[in-house]
Amino acid sequence: MLLPPFVVSPRRPPSIAERLARELAERGLAVEREPAPIASGAHLLFPNLAVERDGARWFVEVLGFSTKESLATKLERYRRAGIATIALCVDLATAPGHERQAQVCGFTKHVDADDLLATLSTAP
């Protein structure tokens, strides 16, 4: 029996977090993709990136869907884990208006690295 010809699967496009990591690295920032999960009580948090900026380690999580309550819960869990340097990137197609909160960077289709850096500069 003959084997079927070798077929190369098409490359998948980079994820939103992968593209953001590349853009941040191009700006000279140290970026770690998929840092270790963070324990917060009985919950685990899974940031997509850790970024070194101005001597601080920032965690970045990209959220494809969120509500006002889920954002508040997620920020509270990071706070309980002792992490204040967190930025949540929120898809405005599913959560319009949330980008006005501190520590939240709104995006549509992809996270703009400059918008994220501005969020990091203004976060408490």
Protein backbone atom coordinates (compact mmCIF):
# COMPACT_ATOMS: atom_id res chain seq x y z
CA MET A 1 0.00 0.00 0.00
CA LEU A 2 1.33 3.41 -0.90
CA LEU A 3 1.32 6.31 1.51
CA PRO A 4 -0.44 9.50 0.48
CA PRO A 5 1.84 12.30 -0.65
CA PHE A 6 3.30 14.48 2.09
CA VAL A 7 1.09 17.50 2.57
CA VAL A 8 2.32 20.61 4.29
CA SER A 9 -0.38 22.22 6.35
CA PRO A 10 -0.76 25.95 5.88
CA ARG A 11 0.86 28.11 8.54
CA ARG A 12 -1.54 29.52 11.01
CA PRO A 13 -1.43 33.27 11.46
CA PRO A 14 0.26 34.46 14.65
CA SER A 15 -2.03 34.86 17.64
CA ILE A 16 -2.79 38.31 19.01
CA ALA A 17 -0.34 37.69 21.88
CA GLU A 18 2.40 36.41 19.54
CA ARG A 19 2.09 39.46 17.33
CA LEU A 20 2.13 41.77 20.35
CA ALA A 21 5.23 40.02 21.74
CA ARG A 22 7.02 40.52 18.43
CA GLU A 23 6.07 44.22 18.28
CA LEU A 24 7.25 44.80 21.87
CA ALA A 25 10.53 42.97 21.22
CA GLU A 26 11.05 45.13 18.11
CA ARG A 27 10.85 48.14 20.42
CA GLY A 28 13.72 46.72 22.48
CA LEU A 29 11.72 45.36 25.42
CA ALA A 30 12.46 42.00 27.01
CA VAL A 31 9.40 39.81 26.47
CA GLU A 32 8.65 36.38 27.89
CA ARG A 33 5.87 34.44 26.18
CA GLU A 34 3.60 32.28 28.31
CA PRO A 35 5.17 32.91 31.73
CA ALA A 36 4.42 30.42 34.50
CA PRO A 37 0.85 30.38 35.83
CA ILE A 38 0.21 32.51 38.91
CA ALA A 39 -1.65 31.09 41.91
CA SER A 40 -4.35 33.27 43.40
CA GLY A 41 -6.17 31.42 46.14
CA ALA A 42 -7.90 28.44 44.55
CA HIS A 43 -7.46 29.94 41.07
CA LEU A 44 -4.66 30.01 38.51
CA LEU A 45 -3.98 33.01 36.30
CA PHE A 46 -2.42 32.55 32.88
CA PRO A 47 -0.81 35.72 31.56
CA ASN A 48 0.19 35.60 27.90
CA LEU A 49 3.30 37.73 28.29
CA ALA A 50 5.69 39.15 30.85
CA VAL A 51 7.36 42.38 29.78
CA GLU A 52 10.32 44.11 31.43
CA ARG A 53 9.82 47.89 31.33
CA ASP A 54 11.52 50.58 33.39
CA GLY A 55 12.78 48.03 35.91
CA ALA A 56 9.35 46.48 36.46
CA ARG A 57 8.00 43.12 35.31
CA TRP A 58 4.56 43.59 33.78
CA PHE A 59 2.17 40.74 33.11
CA VAL A 60 -0.08 41.04 30.06
CA GLU A 61 -3.17 38.96 29.45
CA VAL A 62 -5.14 39.13 26.20
CA LEU A 63 -8.87 38.54 26.67
CA GLY A 64 -10.98 37.71 23.66
CA PHE A 65 -14.21 38.03 25.60
CA SER A 66 -14.94 39.77 28.87
CA THR A 67 -17.61 41.46 30.90
CA LYS A 68 -17.29 44.24 33.44
CA GLU A 69 -17.62 41.63 36.18
CA SER A 70 -15.06 39.24 34.71
CA LEU A 71 -12.54 42.07 34.34
CA ALA A 72 -13.06 43.13 37.95
CA THR A 73 -12.70 39.52 39.11
CA LYS A 74 -9.52 39.00 37.10
CA LEU A 75 -7.93 42.23 38.40
CA GLU A 76 -8.89 41.26 41.96
CA ARG A 77 -7.29 37.83 41.56
CA TYR A 78 -4.04 39.40 40.36
CA ARG A 79 -4.19 41.82 43.32
CA ARG A 80 -4.69 38.91 45.74
CA ALA A 81 -1.69 37.20 44.17
CA GLY A 82 0.37 40.31 45.01
CA ILE A 83 0.68 41.52 41.43
CA ALA A 84 -0.06 45.16 40.69
CA THR A 85 1.84 45.32 37.40
CA ILE A 86 -0.84 43.75 35.20
CA ALA A 87 -2.42 44.94 31.98
CA LEU A 88 -5.49 43.27 30.52
CA CYS A 89 -5.97 43.64 26.77
CA VAL A 90 -9.68 43.60 26.03
CA ASP A 91 -11.34 43.04 22.65
CA LEU A 92 -13.64 46.04 22.20
CA ALA A 93 -15.88 44.10 19.83
CA THR A 94 -17.07 42.02 22.79
CA ALA A 95 -16.54 44.52 25.61
CA PRO A 96 -16.99 48.10 24.38
CA GLY A 97 -16.16 50.84 26.87
CA HIS A 98 -13.90 48.75 29.09
CA GLU A 99 -10.73 50.41 27.79
CA ARG A 100 -11.45 53.39 30.03
CA GLN A 101 -10.49 51.41 33.13
CA ALA A 102 -7.00 51.59 34.61
CA GLN A 103 -4.86 48.58 33.68
CA VAL A 104 -7.03 47.84 30.63
CA CYS A 105 -5.93 48.30 27.02
CA GLY A 106 -8.68 48.05 24.43
CA PHE A 107 -8.09 46.57 21.00
CA THR A 108 -9.86 45.62 17.82
CA LYS A 109 -8.36 42.70 15.84
CA HIS A 110 -4.86 43.25 17.26
CA VAL A 111 -3.30 44.96 20.27
CA ASP A 112 -1.33 48.04 19.31
CA ALA A 113 2.01 47.93 21.14
CA ASP A 114 2.03 51.71 21.61
CA ASP A 115 -1.46 51.60 23.17
CA LEU A 116 -0.30 48.88 25.57
CA LEU A 117 2.82 50.85 26.51
CA ALA A 118 0.63 53.91 27.18
CA THR A 119 -1.55 51.74 29.44
CA LEU A 120 1.53 50.57 31.33
CA SER A 121 2.63 54.19 31.77
CA THR A 122 -0.69 55.28 33.27
CA ALA A 123 -1.48 52.19 35.37
CA PRO A 124 -1.18 52.61 39.14
